[in-house]
N, C-alpha and C. Protein backbone atom coordinates (compact mmCIF):
# COMPACT_ATOMS: atom_id res chain seq x y z
N MET A 1 170.11 160.01 204.14
CA MET A 1 170.52 159.93 202.37
C MET A 1 169.18 160.01 202.07
N ALA A 2 169.27 161.00 201.16
CA ALA A 2 167.87 161.53 200.13
C ALA A 2 167.43 160.20 199.46
N SER A 3 165.94 160.31 199.19
CA SER A 3 165.70 159.23 198.84
C SER A 3 164.58 159.32 197.77
N ARG A 4 164.30 158.67 196.59
CA ARG A 4 163.19 159.03 195.53
C ARG A 4 162.42 157.55 195.95
N LYS A 5 162.25 156.92 196.85
CA LYS A 5 161.67 155.39 196.79
C LYS A 5 160.52 156.21 197.31
N ILE A 6 159.29 155.61 196.95
CA ILE A 6 157.83 155.57 197.76
C ILE A 6 157.47 155.28 198.57
N GLU A 7 158.39 154.40 199.03
CA GLU A 7 158.34 153.86 200.31
C GLU A 7 158.96 154.63 201.81
N ASP A 8 159.55 155.72 200.86
CA ASP A 8 160.39 156.75 202.64
C ASP A 8 159.05 157.48 202.13
N LEU A 9 157.80 158.32 201.62
CA LEU A 9 156.64 158.85 201.83
C LEU A 9 156.25 158.49 203.29
N HIS A 10 154.95 159.17 203.59
CA HIS A 10 154.60 158.91 204.93
C HIS A 10 153.35 157.92 204.57
N PRO A 11 153.14 157.00 204.89
CA PRO A 11 152.06 155.81 204.73
C PRO A 11 150.70 156.50 203.43
N THR A 12 150.55 157.78 204.40
CA THR A 12 149.04 158.08 204.18
C THR A 12 149.02 158.54 202.06
N LEU A 13 150.44 159.05 202.50
CA LEU A 13 150.46 159.95 200.77
C LEU A 13 151.29 158.48 199.74
N GLN A 14 151.94 157.36 200.47
CA GLN A 14 152.54 156.43 199.31
C GLN A 14 151.44 156.26 198.07
N PRO A 15 149.67 155.66 198.62
CA PRO A 15 149.39 155.57 197.35
C PRO A 15 149.02 157.02 196.40
N LEU A 16 148.92 157.96 196.96
CA LEU A 16 148.68 159.30 196.29
C LEU A 16 149.86 159.07 195.49
N ALA A 17 150.80 159.70 195.86
CA ALA A 17 151.99 159.41 194.97
C ALA A 17 152.01 158.18 193.56
N ARG A 18 151.28 157.31 194.41
CA ARG A 18 151.54 156.24 192.78
C ARG A 18 150.03 156.65 191.86
N GLN A 19 148.84 156.69 192.60
CA GLN A 19 147.83 157.14 191.89
C GLN A 19 148.22 158.97 190.88
N PHE A 20 149.15 159.47 191.50
CA PHE A 20 148.99 160.44 191.14
C PHE A 20 150.10 160.12 189.43
N VAL A 21 150.81 159.83 189.42
CA VAL A 21 151.73 158.87 188.44
C VAL A 21 151.49 158.46 187.43
N GLN A 22 150.25 157.15 187.96
CA GLN A 22 149.32 156.95 186.85
C GLN A 22 148.17 158.00 186.26
N LEU A 23 148.06 158.72 186.76
CA LEU A 23 146.80 159.25 186.37
C LEU A 23 147.66 160.54 185.26
N CYS A 24 148.91 160.56 185.70
CA CYS A 24 149.55 161.87 184.92
C CYS A 24 149.98 160.69 183.15
N LYS A 25 150.58 159.38 183.80
CA LYS A 25 150.45 159.03 182.66
C LYS A 25 149.20 158.62 181.94
N LYS A 26 148.01 158.44 182.54
CA LYS A 26 147.16 158.43 181.54
C LYS A 26 146.70 159.44 180.86
N ASP A 27 147.41 160.57 181.36
CA ASP A 27 147.34 161.79 180.32
C ASP A 27 148.26 162.18 179.69
N GLY A 28 149.02 161.15 179.66
CA GLY A 28 149.76 161.38 178.44
C GLY A 28 151.18 162.03 178.80
N ILE A 29 151.44 162.12 179.91
CA ILE A 29 152.65 162.53 181.24
C ILE A 29 153.05 161.70 181.54
N ASP A 30 154.31 161.73 181.39
CA ASP A 30 155.47 160.69 181.63
C ASP A 30 156.35 161.83 183.08
N VAL A 31 155.89 160.84 184.38
CA VAL A 31 156.28 161.67 185.59
C VAL A 31 157.54 161.00 186.32
N LEU A 32 158.48 161.41 186.97
CA LEU A 32 159.15 161.15 187.47
C LEU A 32 159.34 161.33 188.56
N ILE A 33 159.30 161.04 190.08
CA ILE A 33 159.77 161.44 191.13
C ILE A 33 160.59 161.18 191.32
N TYR A 34 161.73 161.79 191.61
CA TYR A 34 162.78 162.46 191.78
C TYR A 34 163.18 162.87 193.41
N MET A 35 162.66 162.90 194.36
CA MET A 35 162.80 163.18 195.60
C MET A 35 161.75 163.29 196.24
N THR A 36 161.81 161.94 197.41
CA THR A 36 160.93 161.85 198.06
C THR A 36 161.65 162.54 200.10
N TRP A 37 161.91 161.76 200.73
CA TRP A 37 163.09 162.01 201.45
C TRP A 37 164.34 162.67 201.76
N ARG A 38 164.58 163.26 202.61
CA ARG A 38 165.96 163.84 202.49
C ARG A 38 166.21 164.44 203.77
N SER A 39 167.73 164.12 204.40
CA SER A 39 167.93 164.23 205.79
C SER A 39 167.86 165.65 206.16
N ASN A 40 168.43 166.17 207.10
CA ASN A 40 167.92 167.52 207.77
C ASN A 40 169.18 168.60 207.13
N ALA A 41 170.35 167.50 207.14
CA ALA A 41 171.66 167.92 206.43
C ALA A 41 171.36 168.03 205.41
N GLU A 42 170.73 167.37 204.52
CA GLU A 42 170.81 167.65 203.34
C GLU A 42 170.05 168.77 202.63
N GLN A 43 169.14 168.94 203.38
CA GLN A 43 168.02 169.66 203.55
C GLN A 43 168.50 171.40 203.67
N ASP A 44 169.76 171.34 205.00
CA ASP A 44 170.33 172.74 205.32
C ASP A 44 171.53 172.78 203.77
N ASP A 45 172.07 172.21 203.40
CA ASP A 45 172.75 171.86 202.07
C ASP A 45 171.77 172.76 200.85
N LEU A 46 170.82 172.34 200.82
CA LEU A 46 170.44 173.18 199.54
C LEU A 46 169.28 174.32 200.00
N PHE A 47 169.43 174.22 201.26
CA PHE A 47 168.82 175.98 201.67
C PHE A 47 170.14 176.98 201.73
N ALA A 48 171.14 176.39 201.74
CA ALA A 48 172.66 177.60 201.59
C ALA A 48 172.43 177.77 200.11
N LEU A 49 171.96 177.26 199.00
CA LEU A 49 172.05 177.55 197.71
C LEU A 49 171.46 178.84 197.58
N GLY A 50 172.30 180.19 196.99
CA GLY A 50 171.95 181.06 196.71
C GLY A 50 171.88 182.17 197.79
N ARG A 51 172.50 181.57 199.13
CA ARG A 51 172.29 181.89 200.41
C ARG A 51 173.68 182.26 200.43
N THR A 52 174.57 181.38 201.19
CA THR A 52 175.92 180.88 201.97
C THR A 52 176.73 180.46 200.85
N LYS A 53 176.10 179.80 199.97
CA LYS A 53 176.33 179.16 198.76
C LYS A 53 176.19 179.61 197.48
N PRO A 54 176.97 179.15 196.87
CA PRO A 54 176.94 180.30 194.98
C PRO A 54 175.54 179.11 194.26
N GLY A 55 174.54 179.66 193.67
CA GLY A 55 173.52 178.86 193.13
C GLY A 55 172.09 179.83 192.95
N LYS A 56 171.29 179.49 192.59
CA LYS A 56 169.84 179.55 192.50
C LYS A 56 169.32 179.18 193.73
N LYS A 57 168.52 179.62 194.74
CA LYS A 57 167.79 179.05 195.92
C LYS A 57 166.35 178.49 195.36
N VAL A 58 166.74 176.89 195.79
CA VAL A 58 165.98 176.03 195.53
C VAL A 58 164.86 175.71 196.36
N THR A 59 164.94 175.85 197.85
CA THR A 59 164.08 175.78 198.78
C THR A 59 163.77 177.33 199.94
N MET A 60 163.18 177.00 200.23
CA MET A 60 163.10 178.26 201.47
C MET A 60 162.95 177.82 202.96
N LEU A 61 163.22 176.69 203.31
CA LEU A 61 163.17 175.93 204.26
C LEU A 61 164.32 175.34 204.89
N PRO A 62 164.91 175.67 205.75
CA PRO A 62 165.83 174.77 206.30
C PRO A 62 165.47 173.00 206.97
N GLY A 63 166.48 172.39 207.15
CA GLY A 63 166.61 171.26 208.18
C GLY A 63 165.47 171.04 208.74
N GLY A 64 164.45 169.99 209.24
CA GLY A 64 163.76 169.88 210.17
C GLY A 64 162.35 170.60 209.96
N ARG A 65 162.43 171.70 209.01
CA ARG A 65 161.46 172.37 208.77
C ARG A 65 160.79 171.90 207.27
N SER A 66 161.14 171.46 206.75
CA SER A 66 160.34 170.76 205.28
C SER A 66 159.81 169.72 205.27
N ASP A 67 159.10 169.81 204.48
CA ASP A 67 158.03 168.48 204.51
C ASP A 67 158.92 166.72 204.16
N HIS A 68 160.27 167.31 203.31
CA HIS A 68 160.68 166.07 203.06
C HIS A 68 161.21 165.50 203.85
N ASN A 69 161.51 166.46 205.50
CA ASN A 69 162.28 166.10 206.04
C ASN A 69 161.50 165.38 207.58
N HIS A 70 160.62 164.76 207.10
CA HIS A 70 159.25 164.38 208.27
C HIS A 70 159.94 162.85 208.29
N THR A 71 159.90 162.30 209.74
CA THR A 71 160.06 160.90 210.15
C THR A 71 158.98 160.68 211.36
N VAL A 72 158.42 158.98 211.13
CA VAL A 72 157.59 158.46 212.47
C VAL A 72 158.68 157.30 213.14
N ASN A 73 159.04 157.54 213.84
CA ASN A 73 158.91 156.28 214.79
C ASN A 73 160.94 156.38 214.51
N ASN A 74 161.18 157.63 213.85
CA ASN A 74 162.63 157.65 213.59
C ASN A 74 162.95 156.95 212.09
N LYS A 75 162.11 156.52 211.44
CA LYS A 75 161.95 156.58 209.95
C LYS A 75 161.19 157.20 209.26
N PRO A 76 162.30 157.65 207.31
CA PRO A 76 161.87 158.82 206.82
C PRO A 76 160.37 158.27 206.68
N ALA A 77 159.49 159.60 206.55
CA ALA A 77 158.28 159.32 206.62
C ALA A 77 157.47 161.05 205.75
N SER A 78 158.04 161.19 204.41
CA SER A 78 158.02 162.19 203.87
C SER A 78 156.44 162.70 203.29
N LEU A 79 156.27 164.07 203.72
CA LEU A 79 154.88 164.36 203.52
C LEU A 79 154.84 164.66 202.02
N ALA A 80 156.09 165.03 201.85
CA ALA A 80 156.33 165.69 199.95
C ALA A 80 156.86 165.24 199.19
N PHE A 81 156.82 165.16 197.91
CA PHE A 81 157.47 164.64 196.80
C PHE A 81 157.96 165.50 196.14
N ASP A 82 159.23 165.69 195.51
CA ASP A 82 159.14 166.15 193.61
C ASP A 82 159.38 165.44 192.88
N ALA A 83 158.96 165.76 191.91
CA ALA A 83 158.64 165.29 190.56
C ALA A 83 158.64 166.22 189.18
N VAL A 84 158.97 165.70 188.10
CA VAL A 84 159.27 166.40 186.91
C VAL A 84 158.68 165.51 185.88
N PRO A 85 158.04 166.13 185.01
CA PRO A 85 157.74 165.38 183.73
C PRO A 85 158.75 165.43 182.94
N GLN A 86 158.77 163.99 182.26
CA GLN A 86 159.94 164.06 181.35
C GLN A 86 159.51 163.43 179.61
N ARG A 87 160.52 163.43 179.02
CA ARG A 87 159.77 163.23 177.34
C ARG A 87 161.45 161.83 177.03
N LEU A 88 160.77 161.05 176.25
CA LEU A 88 162.00 160.59 175.49
C LEU A 88 162.53 161.25 174.33
N VAL A 89 163.98 161.63 174.41
CA VAL A 89 164.79 162.40 173.53
C VAL A 89 165.94 161.33 173.27
N ASP A 90 166.14 161.15 171.95
CA ASP A 90 167.32 160.39 170.91
C ASP A 90 167.43 159.14 171.99
N GLY A 91 166.27 158.63 172.30
CA GLY A 91 166.11 157.16 172.75
C GLY A 91 166.57 157.11 174.24
N ARG A 92 166.63 158.43 175.36
CA ARG A 92 166.57 158.71 176.58
C ARG A 92 165.59 159.61 177.15
N LYS A 93 165.07 159.21 178.42
CA LYS A 93 164.38 160.29 179.00
C LYS A 93 165.39 161.74 179.63
N VAL A 94 164.30 162.32 179.03
CA VAL A 94 164.77 163.91 179.29
C VAL A 94 163.95 164.49 180.10
N ALA A 95 164.54 164.98 181.70
CA ALA A 95 163.49 166.00 182.45
C ALA A 95 163.12 167.28 180.89
N ILE A 96 161.57 167.78 181.63
CA ILE A 96 161.37 168.78 180.65
C ILE A 96 161.09 170.12 181.89
N TRP A 97 161.78 170.52 182.37
CA TRP A 97 161.38 171.64 183.20
C TRP A 97 160.68 173.23 182.85
N ASN A 98 161.12 173.63 181.45
CA ASN A 98 160.08 174.58 181.31
C ASN A 98 158.98 174.30 179.87
N ASP A 99 158.09 173.77 180.80
CA ASP A 99 156.35 173.97 179.86
C ASP A 99 155.99 173.86 181.19
N PRO A 100 155.33 175.64 180.76
CA PRO A 100 153.77 175.65 181.71
C PRO A 100 152.83 174.75 181.43
N ALA A 101 152.69 174.33 180.46
CA ALA A 101 151.18 173.54 180.73
C ALA A 101 151.19 172.09 180.82
N LEU A 102 152.60 171.34 181.08
CA LEU A 102 153.06 170.46 181.56
C LEU A 102 152.76 170.44 183.04
N TRP A 103 153.73 171.28 183.29
CA TRP A 103 153.35 171.62 185.02
C TRP A 103 151.90 172.46 185.45
N ALA A 104 151.38 172.85 184.75
CA ALA A 104 149.61 173.64 184.95
C ALA A 104 148.73 171.75 184.97
N ARG A 105 149.34 170.89 184.08
CA ARG A 105 148.36 170.34 184.33
C ARG A 105 148.86 169.44 185.18
N MET A 106 150.17 168.99 185.51
CA MET A 106 150.52 168.35 186.90
C MET A 106 149.63 168.70 187.90
N GLY A 107 149.44 169.69 188.11
CA GLY A 107 149.13 170.19 189.27
C GLY A 107 147.65 170.18 189.36
N GLU A 108 146.75 170.30 188.62
CA GLU A 108 145.67 169.90 188.39
C GLU A 108 145.26 168.67 188.86
N ILE A 109 146.03 167.59 188.08
CA ILE A 109 145.63 166.21 188.76
C ILE A 109 146.10 166.41 190.32
N ALA A 110 147.30 166.55 190.52
CA ALA A 110 147.37 166.59 192.01
C ALA A 110 146.25 166.84 193.08
N ALA A 111 145.80 168.08 192.49
CA ALA A 111 144.42 168.95 193.11
C ALA A 111 143.19 167.79 193.17
N GLU A 112 143.33 167.14 192.20
CA GLU A 112 141.77 165.94 191.98
C GLU A 112 141.99 164.94 192.95
N ILE A 113 143.16 164.60 193.47
CA ILE A 113 143.49 163.64 194.51
C ILE A 113 143.90 163.88 195.29
N GLY A 114 143.58 165.06 195.95
CA GLY A 114 143.83 165.77 196.82
C GLY A 114 145.00 165.98 197.78
N LEU A 115 145.77 166.18 196.35
CA LEU A 115 147.15 166.95 196.90
C LEU A 115 147.75 168.22 196.72
N SER A 116 148.34 169.33 196.91
CA SER A 116 148.93 170.74 197.12
C SER A 116 149.85 170.64 196.47
N TRP A 117 149.88 171.55 195.51
CA TRP A 117 151.23 171.53 194.50
C TRP A 117 152.25 172.84 194.62
N GLY A 118 153.42 172.69 195.02
CA GLY A 118 153.75 174.09 195.07
C GLY A 118 153.77 175.41 193.91
N GLY A 119 153.81 174.66 192.29
CA GLY A 119 152.92 176.26 191.97
C GLY A 119 152.39 176.37 192.16
N ASN A 120 151.50 176.63 192.83
CA ASN A 120 150.22 177.45 193.64
C ASN A 120 151.16 178.41 194.49
N TYR A 121 152.61 178.50 195.36
CA TYR A 121 152.80 179.55 195.85
C TYR A 121 153.12 180.86 195.25
N LYS A 122 152.87 181.47 196.17
CA LYS A 122 152.91 183.09 195.68
C LYS A 122 154.45 183.43 195.83
N LYS A 123 154.86 183.35 196.78
CA LYS A 123 156.08 184.04 196.82
C LYS A 123 157.28 183.33 196.34
N PHE A 124 157.44 182.03 196.19
CA PHE A 124 158.42 180.95 196.37
C PHE A 124 157.67 179.90 195.11
N VAL A 125 157.65 179.84 194.33
CA VAL A 125 156.96 178.89 193.34
C VAL A 125 157.64 177.62 193.20
N ASP A 126 157.13 176.79 193.58
CA ASP A 126 158.34 175.34 193.30
C ASP A 126 157.45 174.31 192.77
N ARG A 127 157.35 174.09 191.62
CA ARG A 127 156.55 173.55 190.58
C ARG A 127 156.36 171.83 191.14
N PRO A 128 157.67 171.58 191.48
CA PRO A 128 158.45 169.99 191.38
C PRO A 128 157.56 169.64 192.55
N HIS A 129 157.29 170.43 193.53
CA HIS A 129 156.77 169.71 194.70
C HIS A 129 155.55 169.78 194.95
N PHE A 130 155.08 168.50 195.38
CA PHE A 130 153.81 168.09 195.67
C PHE A 130 153.63 167.15 197.00
N TYR A 131 152.61 168.19 198.03
CA TYR A 131 152.60 167.73 198.95
C TYR A 131 151.31 167.42 199.78
N LEU A 132 151.37 167.05 200.92
CA LEU A 132 149.79 166.29 201.37
C LEU A 132 149.89 167.32 202.91
N ARG A 133 148.82 167.99 202.91
CA ARG A 133 148.07 168.41 203.90
C ARG A 133 147.58 167.68 205.03
N PHE A 134 147.75 167.21 206.21
CA PHE A 134 146.29 166.55 206.95
C PHE A 134 145.68 167.73 207.79
């Protein structure tokens, strides 16, 4: 079952994810981590979008090949998380998907702490995707 828990990230990535959220907040960006780990089946379901199922492509990798599917000792240990900036609108938090300046700043903050950012991908830009390379 998909998770948004930081505890389902690889142990090396957990403190970096927390630091990322804190640094974004310090910079005035309220960030929601909305995906950490997902099963191979859930990854395959996302991979089908825009291919065998209607919708826009949201991932380039099938189950078992995504950083979100990584496990250690059969326990979730994702090497990536997906995050989105959000703002308070009419008393509730709303995801802000279309603000390039916010995404760029989040990418800079990630780089400052040693994370890589899917917003730098050349062929399939994946702005919500932040990941750790060993």
